[in-house]
Amino acid sequence: MPSGFLGFTGGSPAPQFTPMKLQRLSGYGPTAAFVSASSLFVFFVILIFGTPIAENARAIVVPMTIAYFLAFWIWLGGFAVVVFDLEWLEHPATSTTWFQVAHWATLVALVVPVVLGISLIAGAGVLVQASFFATFVLVGVSLLIHNIDARRAGLLKGALPWLGIVTGAAYVVAGFGIWTIPAIGFTGLILGQTFYIAWAAWMGARLSGPRTAAAQAPAAP
């Protein structure tokens, strides 16, 4: 299907956006899921215990901050590969407007760590807060839509998509809680981080299994 790969459908002169190019990421989802879960665990540990550790060991503040930032970015990068792999498996059952919203939310989330890094260096607390707000809301929206669509398409069944939906909702609560009620935002963050690690590990195992028919090349007529 060379014409489809280039973003056109056969016989139609008008270009149409298709997720065919995401086939290049097909197969990397399982590894990315486990890497994403592991890096989020590191990020989570530093987030919770970093301050008391830094107060008693000032020499490790800089290395710990670098590890914190890298873990944050690797988490998002791994998440992006997982959902892009999932997108390929779901195509064309989830080629909807909302699906495109989830796609772009994931891409935008990948850029946020740049703003976060600059904000940390500049000591701009408001931008740091805004960066986390954007990240959690974008990841939450992406998780919600991808898991809802995957469940609707029959690609994910049982408790796995529901775990993803709850995780996405927790992240959205965490994002908005940063600006409104910090206690609720922190609770949402703890739940989101914990549930995401479980979801990503489970998703890695799921994507390691046989590919669905949606990911196969269409049969010849």
N, C-alpha and C. Protein backbone atom coordinates (compact mmCIF):
# COMPACT_ATOMS: atom_id res chain seq x y z
N MET A 1 0.83 -1.20 0.00
CA MET A 1 0.00 0.00 0.00
C MET A 1 0.87 1.26 0.00
N PRO A 2 1.67 1.48 -1.04
CA PRO A 2 2.55 2.64 -1.03
C PRO A 2 1.81 3.95 -0.98
N SER A 3 0.64 4.05 -1.65
CA SER A 3 -0.08 5.31 -1.63
C SER A 3 -0.61 5.62 -0.24
N GLY A 4 -1.11 4.58 0.48
CA GLY A 4 -1.59 4.80 1.83
C GLY A 4 -0.47 5.20 2.76
N PHE A 5 0.71 4.63 2.57
CA PHE A 5 1.84 4.94 3.43
C PHE A 5 2.23 6.40 3.29
N LEU A 6 2.06 6.97 2.13
CA LEU A 6 2.42 8.36 1.90
C LEU A 6 1.33 9.31 2.38
N GLY A 7 0.21 8.75 2.88
CA GLY A 7 -0.84 9.61 3.41
C GLY A 7 -1.98 9.86 2.45
N PHE A 8 -2.03 9.09 1.34
CA PHE A 8 -3.12 9.24 0.37
C PHE A 8 -3.83 7.90 0.25
N THR A 9 -5.09 7.95 -0.06
CA THR A 9 -5.83 6.73 -0.32
C THR A 9 -5.94 6.54 -1.81
N GLY A 10 -5.90 5.29 -2.23
CA GLY A 10 -5.90 5.01 -3.65
C GLY A 10 -7.09 5.57 -4.38
N GLY A 11 -6.86 6.26 -5.50
CA GLY A 11 -7.92 6.77 -6.32
C GLY A 11 -8.47 8.11 -5.87
N SER A 12 -7.99 8.63 -4.79
CA SER A 12 -8.50 9.92 -4.30
C SER A 12 -7.41 10.96 -4.43
N PRO A 13 -7.69 12.08 -5.13
CA PRO A 13 -6.67 13.10 -5.33
C PRO A 13 -6.42 13.93 -4.09
N ALA A 14 -7.36 13.90 -3.11
CA ALA A 14 -7.21 14.75 -1.92
C ALA A 14 -6.41 14.01 -0.86
N PRO A 15 -5.43 14.66 -0.25
CA PRO A 15 -4.64 14.01 0.80
C PRO A 15 -5.48 13.76 2.04
N GLN A 16 -5.26 12.63 2.69
CA GLN A 16 -5.94 12.31 3.93
C GLN A 16 -4.89 11.88 4.94
N PHE A 17 -5.03 12.38 6.17
CA PHE A 17 -4.09 12.01 7.21
C PHE A 17 -4.41 10.60 7.67
N THR A 18 -3.41 9.77 7.70
CA THR A 18 -3.58 8.41 8.19
C THR A 18 -2.45 8.09 9.14
N PRO A 19 -2.66 7.13 10.05
CA PRO A 19 -1.62 6.77 11.00
C PRO A 19 -0.70 5.68 10.48
N MET A 20 -0.66 5.47 9.15
CA MET A 20 0.14 4.39 8.60
C MET A 20 1.61 4.51 8.98
N LYS A 21 2.15 5.73 9.06
CA LYS A 21 3.55 5.90 9.38
C LYS A 21 3.89 5.41 10.78
N LEU A 22 2.85 5.26 11.62
CA LEU A 22 3.10 4.78 12.97
C LEU A 22 3.47 3.31 12.98
N GLN A 23 3.35 2.62 11.84
CA GLN A 23 3.76 1.23 11.77
C GLN A 23 5.24 1.09 12.10
N ARG A 24 6.01 2.17 11.87
CA ARG A 24 7.44 2.13 12.18
C ARG A 24 7.68 1.90 13.66
N LEU A 25 6.71 2.31 14.51
CA LEU A 25 6.84 2.13 15.95
C LEU A 25 6.23 0.82 16.42
N SER A 26 5.55 0.12 15.52
CA SER A 26 4.92 -1.13 15.89
C SER A 26 5.98 -2.13 16.35
N GLY A 27 5.79 -2.69 17.52
CA GLY A 27 6.75 -3.64 18.06
C GLY A 27 7.62 -3.06 19.16
N TYR A 28 7.72 -1.73 19.22
CA TYR A 28 8.51 -1.10 20.27
C TYR A 28 7.67 -0.82 21.52
N GLY A 29 6.36 -0.98 21.40
CA GLY A 29 5.47 -0.68 22.50
C GLY A 29 5.78 -1.41 23.79
N PRO A 30 6.02 -2.74 23.76
CA PRO A 30 6.29 -3.46 25.01
C PRO A 30 7.50 -2.93 25.75
N THR A 31 8.60 -2.75 25.03
CA THR A 31 9.82 -2.22 25.67
C THR A 31 9.58 -0.82 26.21
N ALA A 32 8.93 0.01 25.41
CA ALA A 32 8.65 1.39 25.83
C ALA A 32 7.77 1.42 27.07
N ALA A 33 6.81 0.49 27.15
CA ALA A 33 5.92 0.46 28.31
C ALA A 33 6.69 0.17 29.59
N PHE A 34 7.58 -0.81 29.55
CA PHE A 34 8.36 -1.15 30.74
C PHE A 34 9.35 -0.05 31.09
N VAL A 35 9.95 0.57 30.07
CA VAL A 35 10.87 1.68 30.32
C VAL A 35 10.11 2.86 30.93
N SER A 36 8.92 3.13 30.39
CA SER A 36 8.12 4.23 30.90
C SER A 36 7.73 4.00 32.36
N ALA A 37 7.31 2.77 32.68
CA ALA A 37 6.94 2.46 34.06
C ALA A 37 8.13 2.59 35.00
N SER A 38 9.30 2.11 34.56
CA SER A 38 10.50 2.18 35.40
C SER A 38 10.95 3.61 35.64
N SER A 39 10.94 4.42 34.58
CA SER A 39 11.38 5.81 34.72
C SER A 39 10.41 6.60 35.57
N LEU A 40 9.11 6.30 35.47
CA LEU A 40 8.14 7.00 36.31
C LEU A 40 8.34 6.62 37.78
N PHE A 41 8.73 5.38 38.03
CA PHE A 41 9.00 4.97 39.41
C PHE A 41 10.16 5.78 39.99
N VAL A 42 11.22 5.97 39.17
CA VAL A 42 12.36 6.79 39.62
C VAL A 42 11.91 8.22 39.87
N PHE A 43 11.13 8.77 38.93
CA PHE A 43 10.60 10.13 39.07
C PHE A 43 9.75 10.24 40.34
N PHE A 44 8.93 9.24 40.58
CA PHE A 44 8.03 9.22 41.73
C PHE A 44 8.82 9.21 43.04
N VAL A 45 9.85 8.37 43.10
CA VAL A 45 10.67 8.26 44.31
C VAL A 45 11.37 9.59 44.61
N ILE A 46 11.93 10.21 43.57
CA ILE A 46 12.62 11.50 43.78
C ILE A 46 11.61 12.57 44.18
N LEU A 47 10.43 12.53 43.58
CA LEU A 47 9.40 13.52 43.90
C LEU A 47 9.00 13.45 45.37
N ILE A 48 8.87 12.23 45.90
CA ILE A 48 8.42 12.04 47.27
C ILE A 48 9.54 12.22 48.28
N PHE A 49 10.71 11.64 47.98
CA PHE A 49 11.79 11.62 48.97
C PHE A 49 12.94 12.56 48.65
N GLY A 50 12.86 13.26 47.51
CA GLY A 50 13.98 14.10 47.09
C GLY A 50 14.30 15.23 48.05
N THR A 51 13.28 15.92 48.54
CA THR A 51 13.51 17.07 49.42
C THR A 51 14.21 16.70 50.71
N PRO A 52 13.72 15.71 51.47
CA PRO A 52 14.44 15.34 52.70
C PRO A 52 15.85 14.83 52.45
N ILE A 53 16.03 14.12 51.34
CA ILE A 53 17.37 13.62 51.01
C ILE A 53 18.30 14.78 50.71
N ALA A 54 17.81 15.77 49.94
CA ALA A 54 18.63 16.92 49.57
C ALA A 54 19.01 17.75 50.79
N GLU A 55 18.12 17.82 51.78
CA GLU A 55 18.41 18.60 52.98
C GLU A 55 19.56 18.01 53.79
N ASN A 56 19.75 16.71 53.66
CA ASN A 56 20.80 16.05 54.44
C ASN A 56 22.02 15.70 53.61
N ALA A 57 21.93 15.87 52.31
CA ALA A 57 23.07 15.56 51.43
C ALA A 57 23.06 16.54 50.27
N ARG A 58 23.54 17.75 50.53
CA ARG A 58 23.50 18.81 49.54
C ARG A 58 24.31 18.48 48.29
N ALA A 59 25.30 17.62 48.42
CA ALA A 59 26.18 17.32 47.29
C ALA A 59 25.46 16.59 46.16
N ILE A 60 24.34 15.94 46.49
CA ILE A 60 23.66 15.16 45.44
C ILE A 60 22.47 15.91 44.84
N VAL A 61 22.30 17.17 45.21
CA VAL A 61 21.16 17.93 44.70
C VAL A 61 21.18 18.03 43.18
N VAL A 62 22.33 18.41 42.62
CA VAL A 62 22.42 18.56 41.16
C VAL A 62 22.24 17.23 40.44
N PRO A 63 22.97 16.15 40.82
CA PRO A 63 22.75 14.87 40.15
C PRO A 63 21.30 14.38 40.29
N MET A 64 20.72 14.61 41.46
CA MET A 64 19.34 14.16 41.67
C MET A 64 18.37 14.95 40.81
N THR A 65 18.63 16.25 40.64
CA THR A 65 17.77 17.07 39.78
C THR A 65 17.86 16.63 38.33
N ILE A 66 19.08 16.31 37.89
CA ILE A 66 19.27 15.82 36.52
C ILE A 66 18.53 14.50 36.33
N ALA A 67 18.67 13.58 37.30
CA ALA A 67 17.98 12.29 37.22
C ALA A 67 16.47 12.48 37.22
N TYR A 68 16.00 13.43 38.00
CA TYR A 68 14.57 13.76 38.09
C TYR A 68 14.04 14.23 36.73
N PHE A 69 14.79 15.12 36.10
CA PHE A 69 14.39 15.66 34.81
C PHE A 69 14.42 14.59 33.72
N LEU A 70 15.51 13.79 33.68
CA LEU A 70 15.62 12.74 32.67
C LEU A 70 14.54 11.68 32.84
N ALA A 71 14.27 11.30 34.08
CA ALA A 71 13.22 10.31 34.33
C ALA A 71 11.87 10.82 33.86
N PHE A 72 11.63 12.10 34.07
CA PHE A 72 10.38 12.73 33.64
C PHE A 72 10.24 12.66 32.12
N TRP A 73 11.32 12.98 31.42
CA TRP A 73 11.27 12.99 29.96
C TRP A 73 11.20 11.58 29.38
N ILE A 74 11.96 10.65 29.97
CA ILE A 74 11.92 9.27 29.48
C ILE A 74 10.54 8.66 29.70
N TRP A 75 9.91 9.02 30.82
CA TRP A 75 8.54 8.55 31.07
C TRP A 75 7.62 8.99 29.94
N LEU A 76 7.66 10.27 29.58
CA LEU A 76 6.80 10.79 28.53
C LEU A 76 7.13 10.18 27.18
N GLY A 77 8.44 10.02 26.90
CA GLY A 77 8.84 9.43 25.62
C GLY A 77 8.36 8.00 25.50
N GLY A 78 8.52 7.22 26.58
CA GLY A 78 8.04 5.85 26.57
C GLY A 78 6.53 5.77 26.42
N PHE A 79 5.83 6.66 27.11
CA PHE A 79 4.37 6.71 27.00
C PHE A 79 3.94 7.00 25.57
N ALA A 80 4.63 7.94 24.92
CA ALA A 80 4.28 8.29 23.53
C ALA A 80 4.43 7.08 22.61
N VAL A 81 5.51 6.33 22.75
CA VAL A 81 5.72 5.15 21.90
C VAL A 81 4.64 4.11 22.16
N VAL A 82 4.26 3.94 23.42
CA VAL A 82 3.22 2.96 23.75
C VAL A 82 1.90 3.30 23.06
N VAL A 83 1.46 4.56 23.20
CA VAL A 83 0.17 4.91 22.60
C VAL A 83 0.24 4.98 21.08
N PHE A 84 1.42 5.32 20.52
CA PHE A 84 1.54 5.31 19.06
C PHE A 84 1.48 3.87 18.54
N ASP A 85 2.08 2.95 19.27
CA ASP A 85 1.98 1.53 18.90
C ASP A 85 0.53 1.08 19.00
N LEU A 86 -0.14 1.52 20.05
CA LEU A 86 -1.56 1.19 20.22
C LEU A 86 -2.39 1.79 19.10
N GLU A 87 -2.05 3.00 18.68
CA GLU A 87 -2.77 3.64 17.58
C GLU A 87 -2.69 2.79 16.31
N TRP A 88 -1.52 2.24 16.04
CA TRP A 88 -1.38 1.43 14.84
C TRP A 88 -2.26 0.19 14.92
N LEU A 89 -2.31 -0.41 16.11
CA LEU A 89 -3.15 -1.60 16.26
C LEU A 89 -4.62 -1.25 16.12
N GLU A 90 -5.01 -0.06 16.55
CA GLU A 90 -6.41 0.33 16.53
C GLU A 90 -6.87 0.78 15.15
N HIS A 91 -5.96 1.23 14.29
CA HIS A 91 -6.36 1.76 12.99
C HIS A 91 -7.04 0.68 12.16
N PRO A 92 -8.15 0.98 11.43
CA PRO A 92 -8.79 2.29 11.32
C PRO A 92 -9.98 2.47 12.27
N ALA A 93 -10.14 1.57 13.23
CA ALA A 93 -11.34 1.60 14.08
C ALA A 93 -11.44 2.87 14.91
N THR A 94 -10.31 3.51 15.17
CA THR A 94 -10.35 4.70 16.03
C THR A 94 -9.87 5.95 15.31
N SER A 95 -10.05 6.02 14.02
CA SER A 95 -9.69 7.21 13.25
C SER A 95 -10.80 8.25 13.41
N THR A 96 -10.84 8.86 14.59
CA THR A 96 -11.88 9.83 14.91
C THR A 96 -11.25 11.15 15.31
N THR A 97 -12.08 12.17 15.43
CA THR A 97 -11.60 13.48 15.85
C THR A 97 -10.99 13.42 17.25
N TRP A 98 -11.67 12.72 18.15
CA TRP A 98 -11.15 12.61 19.51
C TRP A 98 -9.81 11.87 19.54
N PHE A 99 -9.69 10.90 18.66
CA PHE A 99 -8.44 10.14 18.58
C PHE A 99 -7.30 11.06 18.16
N GLN A 100 -7.57 11.99 17.24
CA GLN A 100 -6.55 12.96 16.84
C GLN A 100 -6.21 13.91 17.99
N VAL A 101 -7.21 14.24 18.80
CA VAL A 101 -6.96 15.07 19.98
C VAL A 101 -5.97 14.37 20.91
N ALA A 102 -6.18 13.09 21.13
CA ALA A 102 -5.28 12.31 21.99
C ALA A 102 -3.88 12.24 21.39
N HIS A 103 -3.82 12.09 20.08
CA HIS A 103 -2.54 12.01 19.38
C HIS A 103 -1.73 13.29 19.59
N TRP A 104 -2.37 14.43 19.39
CA TRP A 104 -1.67 15.71 19.51
C TRP A 104 -1.39 16.06 20.97
N ALA A 105 -2.26 15.63 21.87
CA ALA A 105 -2.00 15.86 23.29
C ALA A 105 -0.71 15.16 23.71
N THR A 106 -0.50 13.97 23.18
CA THR A 106 0.73 13.22 23.48
C THR A 106 1.95 13.93 22.92
N LEU A 107 1.85 14.40 21.69
CA LEU A 107 2.98 15.09 21.07
C LEU A 107 3.34 16.38 21.80
N VAL A 108 2.33 17.13 22.20
CA VAL A 108 2.58 18.38 22.93
C VAL A 108 3.22 18.08 24.28
N ALA A 109 2.78 17.01 24.93
CA ALA A 109 3.34 16.65 26.23
C ALA A 109 4.85 16.38 26.13
N LEU A 110 5.30 15.89 24.98
CA LEU A 110 6.73 15.62 24.79
C LEU A 110 7.57 16.88 24.79
N VAL A 111 6.96 18.02 24.48
CA VAL A 111 7.69 19.28 24.40
C VAL A 111 7.77 19.97 25.77
N VAL A 112 6.84 19.64 26.65
CA VAL A 112 6.77 20.31 27.95
C VAL A 112 8.05 20.21 28.76
N PRO A 113 8.78 19.05 28.77
CA PRO A 113 10.01 18.99 29.55
C PRO A 113 11.03 20.07 29.20
N VAL A 114 11.01 20.55 27.95
CA VAL A 114 11.92 21.64 27.58
C VAL A 114 11.59 22.88 28.41
N VAL A 115 10.30 23.20 28.49
CA VAL A 115 9.86 24.35 29.29
C VAL A 115 10.18 24.11 30.76
N LEU A 116 9.97 22.89 31.22
CA LEU A 116 10.25 22.56 32.62
C LEU A 116 11.74 22.75 32.93
N GLY A 117 12.61 22.27 32.03
CA GLY A 117 14.04 22.40 32.26
C GLY A 117 14.48 23.85 32.34
N ILE A 118 13.99 24.66 31.41
CA ILE A 118 14.32 26.09 31.42
C ILE A 118 13.80 26.75 32.69
N SER A 119 12.61 26.36 33.10
CA SER A 119 11.99 26.94 34.30
C SER A 119 12.78 26.59 35.55
N LEU A 120 13.25 25.34 35.62
CA LEU A 120 14.04 24.92 36.79
C LEU A 120 15.35 25.68 36.86
N ILE A 121 16.00 25.86 35.71
CA ILE A 121 17.27 26.58 35.68
C ILE A 121 17.08 28.05 36.05
N ALA A 122 15.98 28.63 35.54
CA ALA A 122 15.70 30.05 35.80
C ALA A 122 15.07 30.29 37.16
N GLY A 123 14.65 29.22 37.82
CA GLY A 123 14.00 29.38 39.11
C GLY A 123 12.63 30.01 39.00
N ALA A 124 11.95 29.79 37.87
CA ALA A 124 10.62 30.36 37.64
C ALA A 124 9.56 29.40 38.15
N GLY A 125 9.15 29.60 39.39
CA GLY A 125 8.22 28.68 40.02
C GLY A 125 6.89 28.56 39.32
N VAL A 126 6.38 29.67 38.80
CA VAL A 126 5.08 29.64 38.12
C VAL A 126 5.15 28.78 36.86
N LEU A 127 6.25 28.91 36.10
CA LEU A 127 6.39 28.11 34.89
C LEU A 127 6.59 26.62 35.21
N VAL A 128 7.28 26.34 36.31
CA VAL A 128 7.43 24.94 36.74
C VAL A 128 6.05 24.36 37.03
N GLN A 129 5.25 25.12 37.77
CA GLN A 129 3.90 24.68 38.10
C GLN A 129 3.05 24.52 36.84
N ALA A 130 3.18 25.46 35.91
CA ALA A 130 2.43 25.38 34.66
C ALA A 130 2.86 24.18 33.82
N SER A 131 4.15 23.85 33.87
CA SER A 131 4.66 22.71 33.11
C SER A 131 4.06 21.40 33.63
N PHE A 132 4.00 21.26 34.95
CA PHE A 132 3.41 20.06 35.51
C PHE A 132 1.91 20.01 35.24
N PHE A 133 1.24 21.16 35.31
CA PHE A 133 -0.17 21.22 35.00
C PHE A 133 -0.42 20.72 33.57
N ALA A 134 0.34 21.25 32.62
CA ALA A 134 0.17 20.88 31.21
C ALA A 134 0.46 19.39 31.01
N THR A 135 1.53 18.91 31.63
CA THR A 135 1.90 17.50 31.46
C THR A 135 0.81 16.57 31.96
N PHE A 136 0.36 16.79 33.19
CA PHE A 136 -0.61 15.89 33.78
C PHE A 136 -1.95 15.92 33.04
N VAL A 137 -2.39 17.10 32.63
CA VAL A 137 -3.66 17.19 31.91
C VAL A 137 -3.54 16.54 30.53
N LEU A 138 -2.45 16.81 29.81
CA LEU A 138 -2.26 16.24 28.47
C LEU A 138 -2.14 14.72 28.52
N VAL A 139 -1.34 14.20 29.45
CA VAL A 139 -1.20 12.75 29.60
C VAL A 139 -2.54 12.15 30.02
N GLY A 140 -3.25 12.82 30.93
CA GLY A 140 -4.54 12.31 31.37
C GLY A 140 -5.54 12.23 30.23
N VAL A 141 -5.62 13.27 29.42
CA VAL A 141 -6.54 13.28 28.28
C VAL A 141 -6.17 12.17 27.29
N SER A 142 -4.88 12.03 27.03
CA SER A 142 -4.42 10.99 26.10
C SER A 142 -4.77 9.60 26.62
N LEU A 143 -4.54 9.36 27.90
CA LEU A 143 -4.87 8.06 28.49
C LEU A 143 -6.37 7.79 28.42
N LEU A 144 -7.16 8.79 28.76
CA LEU A 144 -8.61 8.61 28.73
C LEU A 144 -9.10 8.22 27.34
N ILE A 145 -8.69 8.99 26.34
CA ILE A 145 -9.20 8.75 24.98
C ILE A 145 -8.67 7.44 24.41
N HIS A 146 -7.39 7.19 24.57
CA HIS A 146 -6.81 5.96 24.02
C HIS A 146 -7.46 4.72 24.63
N ASN A 147 -7.65 4.73 25.93
CA ASN A 147 -8.23 3.55 26.58
C ASN A 147 -9.72 3.39 26.28
N ILE A 148 -10.44 4.51 26.20
CA ILE A 148 -11.86 4.44 25.84
C ILE A 148 -12.02 3.91 24.42
N ASP A 149 -11.20 4.43 23.49
CA ASP A 149 -11.29 4.00 22.10
C ASP A 149 -10.82 2.56 21.93
N ALA A 150 -9.77 2.19 22.67
CA ALA A 150 -9.27 0.81 22.57
C ALA A 150 -10.32 -0.17 23.09
N ARG A 151 -11.01 0.23 24.13
CA ARG A 151 -12.07 -0.63 24.67
C ARG A 151 -13.24 -0.70 23.68
N ARG A 152 -13.60 0.45 23.10
CA ARG A 152 -14.70 0.47 22.14
C ARG A 152 -14.39 -0.39 20.91
N ALA A 153 -13.12 -0.35 20.49
CA ALA A 153 -12.71 -1.11 19.30
C ALA A 153 -12.50 -2.59 19.60
N GLY A 154 -12.57 -2.96 20.89
CA GLY A 154 -12.39 -4.35 21.25
C GLY A 154 -10.93 -4.77 21.32
N LEU A 155 -10.02 -3.80 21.25
CA LEU A 155 -8.60 -4.14 21.29
C LEU A 155 -8.14 -4.46 22.71
N LEU A 156 -8.62 -3.68 23.67
CA LEU A 156 -8.32 -3.93 25.08
C LEU A 156 -9.60 -4.34 25.78
N LYS A 157 -9.52 -5.39 26.56
CA LYS A 157 -10.71 -5.90 27.23
C LYS A 157 -10.42 -6.09 28.72
N GLY A 158 -11.46 -6.34 29.46
CA GLY A 158 -11.30 -6.60 30.88
C GLY A 158 -10.98 -5.34 31.67
N ALA A 159 -10.12 -5.50 32.68
CA ALA A 159 -9.83 -4.40 33.60
C ALA A 159 -8.77 -3.43 33.07
N LEU A 160 -7.97 -3.86 32.08
CA LEU A 160 -6.86 -3.02 31.61
C LEU A 160 -7.31 -1.66 31.11
N PRO A 161 -8.28 -1.55 30.19
CA PRO A 161 -8.69 -0.20 29.75
C PRO A 161 -9.30 0.61 30.87
N TRP A 162 -10.01 -0.04 31.79
CA TRP A 162 -10.59 0.69 32.91
C TRP A 162 -9.50 1.25 33.82
N LEU A 163 -8.43 0.49 33.99
CA LEU A 163 -7.30 0.99 34.78
C LEU A 163 -6.70 2.21 34.09
N GLY A 164 -6.59 2.17 32.77
CA GLY A 164 -6.09 3.31 32.02
C GLY A 164 -7.00 4.52 32.13
N ILE A 165 -8.31 4.28 32.12
CA ILE A 165 -9.27 5.37 32.23
C ILE A 165 -9.19 6.03 33.60
N VAL A 166 -9.11 5.21 34.65
CA VAL A 166 -8.99 5.75 36.00
C VAL A 166 -7.68 6.51 36.16
N THR A 167 -6.60 5.98 35.56
CA THR A 167 -5.31 6.66 35.62
C THR A 167 -5.38 8.02 34.93
N GLY A 168 -6.00 8.06 33.75
CA GLY A 168 -6.14 9.32 33.04
C GLY A 168 -6.94 10.34 33.83
N ALA A 169 -8.03 9.89 34.45
CA ALA A 169 -8.85 10.79 35.27
C ALA A 169 -8.06 11.32 36.46
N ALA A 170 -7.25 10.46 37.07
CA ALA A 170 -6.44 10.88 38.22
C ALA A 170 -5.43 11.95 37.81
N TYR A 171 -4.84 11.81 36.62
CA TYR A 171 -3.88 12.80 36.14
C TYR A 171 -4.56 14.14 35.85
N VAL A 172 -5.75 14.09 35.29
CA VAL A 172 -6.48 15.34 35.04
C VAL A 172 -6.79 16.05 36.35
N VAL A 173 -7.22 15.28 37.34
CA VAL A 173 -7.48 15.85 38.67
C VAL A 173 -6.20 16.45 39.25
N ALA A 174 -5.09 15.73 39.07
CA ALA A 174 -3.81 16.23 39.58
C ALA A 174 -3.43 17.55 38.92
N GLY A 175 -3.63 17.62 37.60
CA GLY A 175 -3.27 18.84 36.88
C GLY A 175 -4.06 20.04 37.34
N PHE A 176 -5.38 19.89 37.40
CA PHE A 176 -6.21 21.02 37.81
C PHE A 176 -6.09 21.30 39.31
N GLY A 177 -5.79 20.26 40.08
CA GLY A 177 -5.63 20.45 41.51
C GLY A 177 -4.44 21.31 41.86
N ILE A 178 -3.42 21.33 40.99
CA ILE A 178 -2.25 22.17 41.22
C ILE A 178 -2.65 23.64 41.35
N TRP A 179 -3.64 24.06 40.54
CA TRP A 179 -4.05 25.46 40.51
C TRP A 179 -5.19 25.77 41.47
N THR A 180 -5.92 24.75 41.92
CA THR A 180 -7.11 25.00 42.73
C THR A 180 -6.94 24.53 44.17
N ILE A 181 -6.99 23.20 44.37
CA ILE A 181 -6.88 22.64 45.71
C ILE A 181 -5.68 21.69 45.73
N PRO A 182 -4.52 22.17 46.20
CA PRO A 182 -3.29 21.37 46.15
C PRO A 182 -3.41 19.99 46.79
N ALA A 183 -4.18 19.87 47.87
CA ALA A 183 -4.32 18.58 48.54
C ALA A 183 -4.97 17.55 47.61
N ILE A 184 -6.00 18.00 46.88
CA ILE A 184 -6.68 17.11 45.93
C ILE A 184 -5.75 16.81 44.75
N GLY A 185 -5.02 17.84 44.30
CA GLY A 185 -4.08 17.63 43.21
C GLY A 185 -3.00 16.63 43.57
N PHE A 186 -2.48 16.71 44.81
CA PHE A 186 -1.44 15.79 45.24
C PHE A 186 -1.99 14.37 45.35
N THR A 187 -3.23 14.24 45.84
CA THR A 187 -3.85 12.92 45.93
C THR A 187 -4.03 12.32 44.53
N GLY A 188 -4.50 13.16 43.60
CA GLY A 188 -4.64 12.70 42.22
C GLY A 188 -3.32 12.28 41.62
N LEU A 189 -2.26 13.02 41.96
CA LEU A 189 -0.93 12.69 41.44
C LEU A 189 -0.44 11.34 41.97
N ILE A 190 -0.60 11.12 43.27
CA ILE A 190 -0.18 9.85 43.86
C ILE A 190 -0.91 8.69 43.21
N LEU A 191 -2.23 8.85 43.07
CA LEU A 191 -3.03 7.79 42.45
C LEU A 191 -2.64 7.60 40.98
N GLY A 192 -2.46 8.72 40.27
CA GLY A 192 -2.10 8.64 38.86
C GLY A 192 -0.76 7.95 38.65
N GLN A 193 0.23 8.32 39.44
CA GLN A 193 1.56 7.73 39.31
C GLN A 193 1.51 6.22 39.61
N THR A 194 0.83 5.88 40.70
CA THR A 194 0.75 4.46 41.09
C THR A 194 0.02 3.64 40.05
N PHE A 195 -1.15 4.13 39.63
CA PHE A 195 -1.93 3.40 38.65
C PHE A 195 -1.22 3.33 37.30
N TYR A 196 -0.49 4.41 36.94
CA TYR A 196 0.19 4.40 35.64
C TYR A 196 1.25 3.31 35.59
N ILE A 197 2.01 3.16 36.66
CA ILE A 197 3.05 2.12 36.69
C ILE A 197 2.42 0.75 36.46
N ALA A 198 1.28 0.50 37.12
CA ALA A 198 0.59 -0.78 36.94
C ALA A 198 0.05 -0.90 35.51
N TRP A 199 -0.55 0.20 35.00
CA TRP A 199 -1.11 0.17 33.64
C TRP A 199 -0.02 -0.06 32.60
N ALA A 200 1.10 0.63 32.72
CA ALA A 200 2.17 0.52 31.74
C ALA A 200 2.78 -0.88 31.75
N ALA A 201 2.98 -1.45 32.94
CA ALA A 201 3.53 -2.81 33.02
C ALA A 201 2.56 -3.81 32.40
N TRP A 202 1.28 -3.64 32.67
CA TRP A 202 0.25 -4.53 32.11
C TRP A 202 0.17 -4.33 30.60
N MET A 203 0.23 -3.08 30.16
CA MET A 203 0.19 -2.80 28.72
C MET A 203 1.39 -3.39 28.01
N GLY A 204 2.56 -3.35 28.66
CA GLY A 204 3.74 -3.96 28.06
C GLY A 204 3.54 -5.44 27.84
N ALA A 205 2.94 -6.11 28.84
CA ALA A 205 2.66 -7.54 28.69
C ALA A 205 1.63 -7.77 27.60
N ARG A 206 0.62 -6.88 27.52
CA ARG A 206 -0.42 -7.03 26.50
C ARG A 206 0.15 -6.85 25.10
N LEU A 207 0.97 -5.84 24.91
CA LEU A 207 1.53 -5.58 23.59
C LEU A 207 2.59 -6.62 23.19
N SER A 208 3.09 -7.34 24.18
CA SER A 208 4.07 -8.40 23.88
C SER A 208 3.40 -9.62 23.28
N GLY A 209 2.07 -9.69 23.41
CA GLY A 209 1.33 -10.83 22.89
C GLY A 209 1.13 -10.74 21.39
N PRO A 210 0.35 -11.63 20.82
CA PRO A 210 0.10 -11.64 19.37
C PRO A 210 -0.55 -10.34 18.92
N ARG A 211 -0.13 -9.88 17.77
CA ARG A 211 -0.71 -8.66 17.18
C ARG A 211 -2.12 -8.96 16.70
N THR A 212 -3.00 -7.96 16.87
CA THR A 212 -4.38 -8.15 16.44
C THR A 212 -4.50 -8.02 14.93
N ALA A 213 -5.66 -8.38 14.43
CA ALA A 213 -5.89 -8.31 12.98
C ALA A 213 -5.77 -6.91 12.46
N ALA A 214 -6.04 -5.93 13.33
CA ALA A 214 -5.97 -4.54 12.87
C ALA A 214 -4.57 -4.13 12.52
N ALA A 215 -3.61 -4.85 13.07
CA ALA A 215 -2.22 -4.47 12.81
C ALA A 215 -1.66 -5.22 11.62
N GLN A 216 -2.43 -6.19 11.09
CA GLN A 216 -1.94 -6.97 9.98
C GLN A 216 -2.19 -6.24 8.67
N ALA A 217 -1.45 -6.59 7.65
CA ALA A 217 -1.69 -6.03 6.32
C ALA A 217 -3.03 -6.56 5.82
N PRO A 218 -3.81 -5.72 5.16
CA PRO A 218 -5.12 -6.16 4.68
C PRO A 218 -5.00 -7.28 3.67
N ALA A 219 -5.94 -8.19 3.75
CA ALA A 219 -5.91 -9.35 2.86
C ALA A 219 -6.20 -8.90 1.43
N ALA A 220 -5.62 -9.61 0.50
CA ALA A 220 -5.83 -9.30 -0.91
C ALA A 220 -7.27 -9.60 -1.28
N PRO A 221 -7.92 -8.75 -2.07
CA PRO A 221 -9.32 -8.99 -2.47
C PRO A 221 -9.45 -10.22 -3.33
